[in-house]
Amino acid sequence: MKIAVLLENTACPEGIKAAHGLSLYLETPGHKLLFDMGPNAAFAENAQAMGVDLERVDIAFLSHGHYDHAGGLDLFCRRNSAAGIYVQAAALAPCWSAGKGEPRYIGVPRSGLAHRDRFILCRGDRRIDGELLLFSSVTGEAFPTAANRTLLMEGPEGLVPDTFAHEQDLLVTAEGKAVLIAGCAHRGIVNILRRCEELLGRSPDYLFAGFHLHDPATGRPEPEALLRAVAEELAARPTRYFTGHCTGEAAYGVLKERLGDQLSHMGGGMTFAL
């Protein structure tokens, strides 16, 4: 299997663009996959620079309904006319952030919503085939993050705290390896990992995800005690971790101190052969 980071907050090789967001490309024996499309066209420009042909993607996923993962959705649909896009139905509802005062819209851009005919709407877990299992059935509440508290969704009587029912994660099993892929891990990376282990029967070999341990509204990481507790949970497993985007530099430093070579940064332009 191969995973290429088409877009992340940082760019590693020269000529690769960076933006606050995430987009991953995967090749398995059976598929060419796109997981999220970043906030704008940069993911597609980087794909071209990296030799990734978006027209050959046969299946795509939107991890959750936030612009920094869905901003390039319209462009992808115009570049690729065939791939179905798996989306939790709840991701089509408006999402908001009150982290910087007055609530602002952070949901899927209107241009992306115009391609609803391409969406494969899910309401919970979905087994796609022998390689791909999409799941949203994460119920654990360990290690809640302060960064989630300013994120809102529309309820019957106005804006309410986001439940993240629109978030989904992908488990890829091929060539004897299991790879867990998440977007922002709003439900908590440990909780997502635990649910993956229930579904898989063991820990995944690899995990690629943003860990959401940095609050963009305040510019601060989560408390060090929480970061160290998360690090201990991750270290207790044999999984190799690759993270970036919403993890934050300070949080990454705390995790790296405990995890060492078990943890690596995934930056824009990087490719991993698994």
C-alpha atoms as a PDB file:
ATOM      1  CA  MET A   1       0.000   0.000   0.000  1.00  0.00           C
ATOM      2  CA  LYS A   2       0.987   3.595  -0.567  1.00  0.00           C
ATOM      3  CA  ILE A   3      -0.159   6.782   1.156  1.00  0.00           C
ATOM      4  CA  ALA A   4       0.636  10.270  -0.143  1.00  0.00           C
ATOM      5  CA  VAL A   5      -0.058  13.438   1.850  1.00  0.00           C
ATOM      6  CA  LEU A   6      -1.493  15.749  -0.801  1.00  0.00           C
ATOM      7  CA  LEU A   7      -2.072  18.581   1.635  1.00  0.00           C
ATOM      8  CA  GLU A   8      -1.358  19.444   5.257  1.00  0.00           C
ATOM      9  CA  ASN A   9      -0.595  22.585   7.281  1.00  0.00           C
ATOM     10  CA  THR A  10       3.075  22.233   6.395  1.00  0.00           C
ATOM     11  CA  ALA A  11       4.851  21.492   3.134  1.00  0.00           C
ATOM     12  CA  CYS A  12       8.002  19.391   3.009  1.00  0.00           C
ATOM     13  CA  PRO A  13       9.387  19.308  -0.573  1.00  0.00           C
ATOM     14  CA  GLU A  14       9.947  22.543  -2.454  1.00  0.00           C
ATOM     15  CA  GLY A  15       7.066  23.399  -4.768  1.00  0.00           C
ATOM     16  CA  ILE A  16       4.390  21.827  -2.542  1.00  0.00           C
ATOM     17  CA  LYS A  17       1.765  24.171  -1.131  1.00  0.00           C
ATOM     18  CA  ALA A  18       0.606  24.192   2.497  1.00  0.00           C
ATOM     19  CA  ALA A  19      -2.785  25.163   3.918  1.00  0.00           C
ATOM     20  CA  HIS A  20      -4.766  24.571   7.106  1.00  0.00           C
ATOM     21  CA  GLY A  21      -6.401  21.302   6.174  1.00  0.00           C
ATOM     22  CA  LEU A  22      -5.809  17.715   5.161  1.00  0.00           C
ATOM     23  CA  SER A  23      -5.956  15.547   2.049  1.00  0.00           C
ATOM     24  CA  LEU A  24      -4.599  12.011   1.701  1.00  0.00           C
ATOM     25  CA  TYR A  25      -4.268   9.754  -1.349  1.00  0.00           C
ATOM     26  CA  LEU A  26      -4.054   5.973  -0.976  1.00  0.00           C
ATOM     27  CA  GLU A  27      -3.290   3.129  -3.339  1.00  0.00           C
ATOM     28  CA  THR A  28      -4.344  -0.380  -2.336  1.00  0.00           C
ATOM     29  CA  PRO A  29      -4.445  -3.547  -4.444  1.00  0.00           C
ATOM     30  CA  GLY A  30      -8.097  -2.804  -5.224  1.00  0.00           C
ATOM     31  CA  HIS A  31      -8.480   0.966  -5.117  1.00  0.00           C
ATOM     32  CA  LYS A  32      -7.116   4.433  -5.657  1.00  0.00           C
ATOM     33  CA  LEU A  33      -8.622   6.470  -2.811  1.00  0.00           C
ATOM     34  CA  LEU A  34      -8.919  10.112  -1.859  1.00  0.00           C
ATOM     35  CA  PHE A  35      -9.547  10.930   1.801  1.00  0.00           C
ATOM     36  CA  ASP A  36     -10.527  14.604   2.225  1.00  0.00           C
ATOM     37  CA  MET A  37      -9.805  17.462  -0.153  1.00  0.00           C
ATOM     38  CA  GLY A  38      -8.324  20.223   2.013  1.00  0.00           C
ATOM     39  CA  PRO A  39      -9.699  23.791   2.138  1.00  0.00           C
ATOM     40  CA  ASN A  40      -9.010  24.867  -1.454  1.00  0.00           C
ATOM     41  CA  ALA A  41      -7.400  23.951  -4.787  1.00  0.00           C
ATOM     42  CA  ALA A  42      -3.930  23.391  -3.287  1.00  0.00           C
ATOM     43  CA  PHE A  43      -4.496  19.642  -2.817  1.00  0.00           C
ATOM     44  CA  ALA A  44      -5.044  19.245  -6.567  1.00  0.00           C
ATOM     45  CA  GLU A  45      -2.020  21.359  -7.467  1.00  0.00           C
ATOM     46  CA  ASN A  46       0.100  19.279  -5.105  1.00  0.00           C
ATOM     47  CA  ALA A  47      -1.331  16.066  -6.548  1.00  0.00           C
ATOM     48  CA  GLN A  48      -0.158  17.100  -9.998  1.00  0.00           C
ATOM     49  CA  ALA A  49       3.290  17.983  -8.667  1.00  0.00           C
ATOM     50  CA  MET A  50       3.486  14.600  -6.934  1.00  0.00           C
ATOM     51  CA  GLY A  51       2.383  12.612  -9.989  1.00  0.00           C
ATOM     52  CA  VAL A  52      -1.023  11.675  -8.549  1.00  0.00           C
ATOM     53  CA  ASP A  53      -3.780  11.555 -11.181  1.00  0.00           C
ATOM     54  CA  LEU A  54      -7.038  12.560  -9.485  1.00  0.00           C
ATOM     55  CA  GLU A  55      -9.019  11.383 -12.519  1.00  0.00           C
ATOM     56  CA  ARG A  56      -8.028   7.807 -11.677  1.00  0.00           C
ATOM     57  CA  VAL A  57      -9.402   7.949  -8.120  1.00  0.00           C
ATOM     58  CA  ASP A  58     -12.241   5.415  -7.968  1.00  0.00           C
ATOM     59  CA  ILE A  59     -13.599   6.183  -4.509  1.00  0.00           C
ATOM     60  CA  ALA A  60     -13.441   9.213  -2.189  1.00  0.00           C
ATOM     61  CA  PHE A  61     -14.285   9.966   1.433  1.00  0.00           C
ATOM     62  CA  LEU A  62     -15.131  13.083   3.403  1.00  0.00           C
ATOM     63  CA  SER A  63     -14.076  12.611   7.023  1.00  0.00           C
ATOM     64  CA  HIS A  64     -16.454  15.252   8.397  1.00  0.00           C
ATOM     65  CA  GLY A  65     -18.353  18.369   7.444  1.00  0.00           C
ATOM     66  CA  HIS A  66     -15.730  21.090   7.982  1.00  0.00           C
ATOM     67  CA  TYR A  67     -14.367  23.353   5.242  1.00  0.00           C
ATOM     68  CA  ASP A  68     -10.698  22.520   5.869  1.00  0.00           C
ATOM     69  CA  HIS A  69     -11.418  18.978   4.686  1.00  0.00           C
ATOM     70  CA  ALA A  70     -14.191  19.738   2.180  1.00  0.00           C
ATOM     71  CA  GLY A  71     -13.110  22.998   0.536  1.00  0.00           C
ATOM     72  CA  GLY A  72     -11.685  21.191  -2.496  1.00  0.00           C
ATOM     73  CA  LEU A  73     -14.772  19.018  -2.993  1.00  0.00           C
ATOM     74  CA  ASP A  74     -16.111  21.039  -5.929  1.00  0.00           C
ATOM     75  CA  LEU A  75     -12.769  20.958  -7.727  1.00  0.00           C
ATOM     76  CA  PHE A  76     -12.393  17.223  -7.205  1.00  0.00           C
ATOM     77  CA  CYS A  77     -15.844  16.585  -8.660  1.00  0.00           C
ATOM     78  CA  ARG A  78     -14.952  18.664 -11.703  1.00  0.00           C
ATOM     79  CA  ARG A  79     -11.632  16.873 -12.167  1.00  0.00           C
ATOM     80  CA  ASN A  80     -13.068  13.402 -11.539  1.00  0.00           C
ATOM     81  CA  SER A  81     -16.492  12.577 -12.986  1.00  0.00           C
ATOM     82  CA  ALA A  82     -16.845   8.988 -11.770  1.00  0.00           C
ATOM     83  CA  ALA A  83     -15.782   8.407  -8.152  1.00  0.00           C
ATOM     84  CA  GLY A  84     -18.515   8.135  -5.546  1.00  0.00           C
ATOM     85  CA  ILE A  85     -17.936  10.189  -2.405  1.00  0.00           C
ATOM     86  CA  TYR A  86     -18.824   8.578   0.919  1.00  0.00           C
ATOM     87  CA  VAL A  87     -20.254  11.151   3.325  1.00  0.00           C
ATOM     88  CA  GLN A  88     -22.094  10.828   6.618  1.00  0.00           C
ATOM     89  CA  ALA A  89     -25.562  12.316   6.027  1.00  0.00           C
ATOM     90  CA  ALA A  90     -25.086  14.590   9.042  1.00  0.00           C
ATOM     91  CA  ALA A  91     -22.107  16.248   7.307  1.00  0.00           C
ATOM     92  CA  LEU A  92     -24.505  18.097   5.012  1.00  0.00           C
ATOM     93  CA  ALA A  93     -25.909  20.092   7.959  1.00  0.00           C
ATOM     94  CA  PRO A  94     -24.350  23.502   8.687  1.00  0.00           C
ATOM     95  CA  CYS A  95     -21.418  23.620  11.125  1.00  0.00           C
ATOM     96  CA  TRP A  96     -20.213  26.714  12.964  1.00  0.00           C
ATOM     97  CA  SER A  97     -17.337  27.893  15.130  1.00  0.00           C
ATOM     98  CA  ALA A  98     -17.637  30.392  17.980  1.00  0.00           C
ATOM     99  CA  GLY A  99     -13.941  30.223  18.812  1.00  0.00           C
ATOM    100  CA  LYS A 100     -13.265  33.816  17.771  1.00  0.00           C
ATOM    101  CA  GLY A 101     -16.433  35.506  18.988  1.00  0.00           C
ATOM    102  CA  GLU A 102     -19.470  35.668  16.723  1.00  0.00           C
ATOM    103  CA  PRO A 103     -20.262  32.236  15.206  1.00  0.00           C
ATOM    104  CA  ARG A 104     -18.894  31.765  11.706  1.00  0.00           C
ATOM    105  CA  TYR A 105     -19.786  29.115   9.170  1.00  0.00           C
ATOM    106  CA  ILE A 106     -17.178  26.346   8.844  1.00  0.00           C
ATOM    107  CA  GLY A 107     -19.260  23.696   7.085  1.00  0.00           C
ATOM    108  CA  VAL A 108     -19.059  22.197   3.614  1.00  0.00           C
ATOM    109  CA  PRO A 109     -18.910  25.045   1.075  1.00  0.00           C
ATOM    110  CA  ARG A 110     -21.985  25.601  -1.068  1.00  0.00           C
ATOM    111  CA  SER A 111     -20.002  24.748  -4.193  1.00  0.00           C
ATOM    112  CA  GLY A 112     -19.316  21.297  -2.766  1.00  0.00           C
ATOM    113  CA  LEU A 113     -22.918  20.713  -1.755  1.00  0.00           C
ATOM    114  CA  ALA A 114     -23.893  21.273  -5.385  1.00  0.00           C
ATOM    115  CA  HIS A 115     -22.515  17.791  -6.136  1.00  0.00           C
ATOM    116  CA  ARG A 116     -24.943  15.873  -3.918  1.00  0.00           C
ATOM    117  CA  ASP A 117     -25.650  13.494  -6.795  1.00  0.00           C
ATOM    118  CA  ARG A 118     -22.123  12.153  -6.301  1.00  0.00           C
ATOM    119  CA  PHE A 119     -22.552  11.563  -2.557  1.00  0.00           C
ATOM    120  CA  ILE A 120     -23.071   8.114  -1.100  1.00  0.00           C
ATOM    121  CA  LEU A 121     -24.819   9.041   2.125  1.00  0.00           C
ATOM    122  CA  CYS A 122     -24.068   6.929   5.194  1.00  0.00           C
ATOM    123  CA  ARG A 123     -25.851   6.795   8.519  1.00  0.00           C
ATOM    124  CA  GLY A 124     -23.388   4.871  10.618  1.00  0.00           C
ATOM    125  CA  ASP A 125     -20.871   2.169   9.746  1.00  0.00           C
ATOM    126  CA  ARG A 126     -20.543   0.879   6.176  1.00  0.00           C
ATOM    127  CA  ARG A 127     -18.609  -2.143   4.947  1.00  0.00           C
ATOM    128  CA  ILE A 128     -17.662  -1.217   1.385  1.00  0.00           C
ATOM    129  CA  ASP A 129     -15.700  -4.316   0.408  1.00  0.00           C
ATOM    130  CA  GLY A 130     -13.029  -6.654   1.724  1.00  0.00           C
ATOM    131  CA  GLU A 131     -10.501  -3.818   1.948  1.00  0.00           C
ATOM    132  CA  LEU A 132     -12.577  -0.907   3.207  1.00  0.00           C
ATOM    133  CA  LEU A 133     -14.618  -0.419   6.362  1.00  0.00           C
ATOM    134  CA  LEU A 134     -16.025   3.033   7.087  1.00  0.00           C
ATOM    135  CA  PHE A 135     -17.162   3.615  10.661  1.00  0.00           C
ATOM    136  CA  SER A 136     -18.680   6.390  12.733  1.00  0.00           C
ATOM    137  CA  SER A 137     -19.810   4.300  15.727  1.00  0.00           C
ATOM    138  CA  VAL A 138     -17.382   5.895  18.192  1.00  0.00           C
ATOM    139  CA  THR A 139     -19.049   6.221  21.595  1.00  0.00           C
ATOM    140  CA  GLY A 140     -16.127   6.554  24.004  1.00  0.00           C
ATOM    141  CA  GLU A 141     -15.616   9.887  25.762  1.00  0.00           C
ATOM    142  CA  ALA A 142     -12.079   9.575  27.094  1.00  0.00           C
ATOM    143  CA  PHE A 143      -9.787  12.616  27.021  1.00  0.00           C
ATOM    144  CA  PRO A 144     -12.256  15.317  25.866  1.00  0.00           C
ATOM    145  CA  THR A 145     -10.558  18.349  24.314  1.00  0.00           C
ATOM    146  CA  ALA A 146     -11.292  22.006  24.986  1.00  0.00           C
ATOM    147  CA  ALA A 147     -10.965  22.783  21.279  1.00  0.00           C
ATOM    148  CA  ASN A 148     -14.297  21.008  20.630  1.00  0.00           C
ATOM    149  CA  ARG A 149     -16.239  23.277  22.977  1.00  0.00           C
ATOM    150  CA  THR A 150     -16.460  26.178  20.520  1.00  0.00           C
ATOM    151  CA  LEU A 151     -17.681  24.007  17.623  1.00  0.00           C
ATOM    152  CA  LEU A 152     -21.406  24.142  16.963  1.00  0.00           C
ATOM    153  CA  MET A 153     -24.112  22.696  14.750  1.00  0.00           C
ATOM    154  CA  GLU A 154     -27.646  23.779  13.975  1.00  0.00           C
ATOM    155  CA  GLY A 155     -30.379  22.307  16.142  1.00  0.00           C
ATOM    156  CA  PRO A 156     -34.170  22.800  16.075  1.00  0.00           C
ATOM    157  CA  GLU A 157     -33.898  25.878  18.293  1.00  0.00           C
ATOM    158  CA  GLY A 158     -30.610  27.315  17.055  1.00  0.00           C
ATOM    159  CA  LEU A 159     -26.928  26.547  17.476  1.00  0.00           C
ATOM    160  CA  VAL A 160     -25.981  23.747  19.880  1.00  0.00           C
ATOM    161  CA  PRO A 161     -22.693  21.969  20.718  1.00  0.00           C
ATOM    162  CA  ASP A 162     -21.550  19.745  17.888  1.00  0.00           C
ATOM    163  CA  THR A 163     -22.016  16.012  18.534  1.00  0.00           C
ATOM    164  CA  PHE A 164     -19.716  15.138  15.608  1.00  0.00           C
ATOM    165  CA  ALA A 165     -22.223  12.647  14.266  1.00  0.00           C
ATOM    166  CA  HIS A 166     -20.884  13.791  10.885  1.00  0.00           C
ATOM    167  CA  GLU A 167     -17.410  12.370  11.555  1.00  0.00           C
ATOM    168  CA  GLN A 168     -16.315   9.045  10.074  1.00  0.00           C
ATOM    169  CA  ASP A 169     -13.072   7.083   9.969  1.00  0.00           C
ATOM    170  CA  LEU A 170     -11.686   4.582   7.475  1.00  0.00           C
ATOM    171  CA  LEU A 171     -10.112   1.210   8.197  1.00  0.00           C
ATOM    172  CA  VAL A 172      -8.151  -0.198   5.255  1.00  0.00           C
ATOM    173  CA  THR A 173      -7.125  -3.855   5.399  1.00  0.00           C
ATOM    174  CA  ALA A 174      -4.932  -5.199   2.599  1.00  0.00           C
ATOM    175  CA  GLU A 175      -1.730  -7.180   2.063  1.00  0.00           C
ATOM    176  CA  GLY A 176      -1.840  -8.398   5.652  1.00  0.00           C
ATOM    177  CA  LYS A 177      -1.798  -4.865   7.078  1.00  0.00           C
ATOM    178  CA  ALA A 178      -4.438  -2.680   8.706  1.00  0.00           C
ATOM    179  CA  VAL A 179      -4.357   1.100   8.324  1.00  0.00           C
ATOM    180  CA  LEU A 180      -6.652   3.445  10.256  1.00  0.00           C
ATOM    181  CA  ILE A 181      -7.257   6.874   8.722  1.00  0.00           C
ATOM    182  CA  ALA A 182      -9.020   9.751  10.481  1.00  0.00           C
ATOM    183  CA  GLY A 183      -9.460  13.419   9.667  1.00  0.00           C
ATOM    184  CA  CYS A 184      -9.498  15.581  12.796  1.00  0.00           C
ATOM    185  CA  ALA A 185     -10.393  12.962  15.415  1.00  0.00           C
ATOM    186  CA  HIS A 186     -12.935  15.274  17.028  1.00  0.00           C
ATOM    187  CA  ARG A 187     -14.302  12.294  18.962  1.00  0.00           C
ATOM    188  CA  GLY A 188     -10.846  11.695  20.398  1.00  0.00           C
ATOM    189  CA  ILE A 189      -8.039   9.726  18.797  1.00  0.00           C
ATOM    190  CA  VAL A 190      -7.999   7.219  21.673  1.00  0.00           C
ATOM    191  CA  ASN A 191     -11.751   6.636  21.400  1.00  0.00           C
ATOM    192  CA  ILE A 192     -11.474   6.163  17.627  1.00  0.00           C
ATOM    193  CA  LEU A 193      -8.573   3.776  18.081  1.00  0.00           C
ATOM    194  CA  ARG A 194     -10.473   1.748  20.668  1.00  0.00           C
ATOM    195  CA  ARG A 195     -13.484   1.420  18.359  1.00  0.00           C
ATOM    196  CA  CYS A 196     -11.215   0.393  15.504  1.00  0.00           C
ATOM    197  CA  GLU A 197      -9.737  -2.327  17.712  1.00  0.00           C
ATOM    198  CA  GLU A 198     -13.234  -3.616  18.512  1.00  0.00           C
ATOM    199  CA  LEU A 199     -14.045  -3.855  14.815  1.00  0.00           C
ATOM    200  CA  LEU A 200     -10.679  -5.260  13.737  1.00  0.00           C
ATOM    201  CA  GLY A 201      -9.989  -7.530  16.699  1.00  0.00           C
ATOM    202  CA  ARG A 202      -6.530  -6.030  17.211  1.00  0.00           C
ATOM    203  CA  SER A 203      -4.665  -2.742  16.985  1.00  0.00           C
ATOM    204  CA  PRO A 204      -4.067  -1.357  13.490  1.00  0.00           C
ATOM    205  CA  ASP A 205      -0.537  -1.491  12.134  1.00  0.00           C
ATOM    206  CA  TYR A 206      -0.615   2.168  11.097  1.00  0.00           C
ATOM    207  CA  LEU A 207      -2.658   5.242  11.957  1.00  0.00           C
ATOM    208  CA  PHE A 208      -2.731   8.435   9.872  1.00  0.00           C
ATOM    209  CA  ALA A 209      -4.731  11.295  11.406  1.00  0.00           C
ATOM    210  CA  GLY A 210      -4.936  14.732  12.842  1.00  0.00           C
ATOM    211  CA  PHE A 211      -5.245  14.323  16.620  1.00  0.00           C
ATOM    212  CA  HIS A 212      -7.039  17.623  17.366  1.00  0.00           C
ATOM    213  CA  LEU A 213      -4.880  18.524  20.349  1.00  0.00           C
ATOM    214  CA  HIS A 214      -4.444  22.194  19.443  1.00  0.00           C
ATOM    215  CA  ASP A 215      -7.092  24.902  19.724  1.00  0.00           C
ATOM    216  CA  PRO A 216      -6.869  27.214  16.679  1.00  0.00           C
ATOM    217  CA  ALA A 217      -9.045  29.781  18.435  1.00  0.00           C
ATOM    218  CA  THR A 218      -6.572  30.292  21.284  1.00  0.00           C
ATOM    219  CA  GLY A 219      -3.397  29.053  19.637  1.00  0.00           C
ATOM    220  CA  ARG A 220      -2.743  26.821  22.648  1.00  0.00           C
ATOM    221  CA  PRO A 221      -2.378  23.040  23.001  1.00  0.00           C
ATOM    222  CA  GLU A 222      -4.470  20.934  25.329  1.00  0.00           C
ATOM    223  CA  PRO A 223      -3.223  20.695  28.952  1.00  0.00           C
ATOM    224  CA  GLU A 224       0.022  18.771  29.300  1.00  0.00           C
ATOM    225  CA  ALA A 225      -1.577  16.219  31.644  1.00  0.00           C
ATOM    226  CA  LEU A 226      -4.077  15.277  28.951  1.00  0.00           C
ATOM    227  CA  LEU A 227      -1.360  15.110  26.289  1.00  0.00           C
ATOM    228  CA  ARG A 228       0.760  12.805  28.427  1.00  0.00           C
ATOM    229  CA  ALA A 229      -2.240  10.571  29.159  1.00  0.00           C
ATOM    230  CA  VAL A 230      -2.976  10.297  25.430  1.00  0.00           C
ATOM    231  CA  ALA A 231       0.691   9.524  24.787  1.00  0.00           C
ATOM    232  CA  GLU A 232       0.610   6.665  27.315  1.00  0.00           C
ATOM    233  CA  GLU A 233      -2.488   5.200  25.639  1.00  0.00           C
ATOM    234  CA  LEU A 234      -0.850   5.333  22.221  1.00  0.00           C
ATOM    235  CA  ALA A 235       2.435   3.929  23.481  1.00  0.00           C
ATOM    236  CA  ALA A 236       0.650   0.877  24.908  1.00  0.00           C
ATOM    237  CA  ARG A 237      -0.039  -0.312  21.340  1.00  0.00           C
ATOM    238  CA  PRO A 238       2.315  -1.561  18.600  1.00  0.00           C
ATOM    239  CA  THR A 239       0.781   0.864  16.068  1.00  0.00           C
ATOM    240  CA  ARG A 240       2.967   3.284  14.074  1.00  0.00           C
ATOM    241  CA  TYR A 241       1.459   6.789  14.178  1.00  0.00           C
ATOM    242  CA  PHE A 242       1.630   9.545  11.569  1.00  0.00           C
ATOM    243  CA  THR A 243       0.050  12.861  12.469  1.00  0.00           C
ATOM    244  CA  GLY A 244      -0.208  16.538  11.592  1.00  0.00           C
ATOM    245  CA  HIS A 245      -2.812  19.191  10.746  1.00  0.00           C
ATOM    246  CA  CYS A 246      -4.795  19.802  13.966  1.00  0.00           C
ATOM    247  CA  THR A 247      -2.395  18.022  16.347  1.00  0.00           C
ATOM    248  CA  GLY A 248      -0.281  21.149  16.836  1.00  0.00           C
ATOM    249  CA  GLU A 249       3.476  21.509  17.205  1.00  0.00           C
ATOM    250  CA  ALA A 250       3.499  21.746  21.004  1.00  0.00           C
ATOM    251  CA  ALA A 251       1.274  18.690  21.411  1.00  0.00           C
ATOM    252  CA  TYR A 252       3.344  16.778  18.871  1.00  0.00           C
ATOM    253  CA  GLY A 253       6.459  17.537  20.921  1.00  0.00           C
ATOM    254  CA  VAL A 254       4.916  16.069  24.085  1.00  0.00           C
ATOM    255  CA  LEU A 255       3.731  12.952  22.237  1.00  0.00           C
ATOM    256  CA  LYS A 256       7.078  12.524  20.502  1.00  0.00           C
ATOM    257  CA  GLU A 257       8.913  12.655  23.825  1.00  0.00           C
ATOM    258  CA  ARG A 258       7.035   9.530  24.936  1.00  0.00           C
ATOM    259  CA  LEU A 259       6.537   7.725  21.620  1.00  0.00           C
ATOM    260  CA  GLY A 260       9.900   8.328  19.962  1.00  0.00           C
ATOM    261  CA  ASP A 261      10.196   6.584  16.587  1.00  0.00           C
ATOM    262  CA  GLN A 262       6.680   5.223  16.979  1.00  0.00           C
ATOM    263  CA  LEU A 263       5.376   8.689  16.025  1.00  0.00           C
ATOM    264  CA  SER A 264       6.178  10.642  12.846  1.00  0.00           C
ATOM    265  CA  HIS A 265       4.989  13.858  11.264  1.00  0.00           C
ATOM    266  CA  MET A 266       3.029  13.684   8.013  1.00  0.00           C
ATOM    267  CA  GLY A 267       3.596  16.825   5.981  1.00  0.00           C
ATOM    268  CA  GLY A 268       2.382  17.867   2.558  1.00  0.00           C
ATOM    269  CA  GLY A 269       4.340  16.166  -0.209  1.00  0.00           C
ATOM    270  CA  MET A 270       5.379  13.149   1.853  1.00  0.00           C
ATOM    271  CA  THR A 271       4.767   9.593   0.579  1.00  0.00           C
ATOM    272  CA  PHE A 272       4.768   6.419   2.658  1.00  0.00           C
ATOM    273  CA  ALA A 273       5.098   2.847   1.397  1.00  0.00           C
ATOM    274  CA  LEU A 274       3.510   0.460   3.894  1.00  0.00           C
END
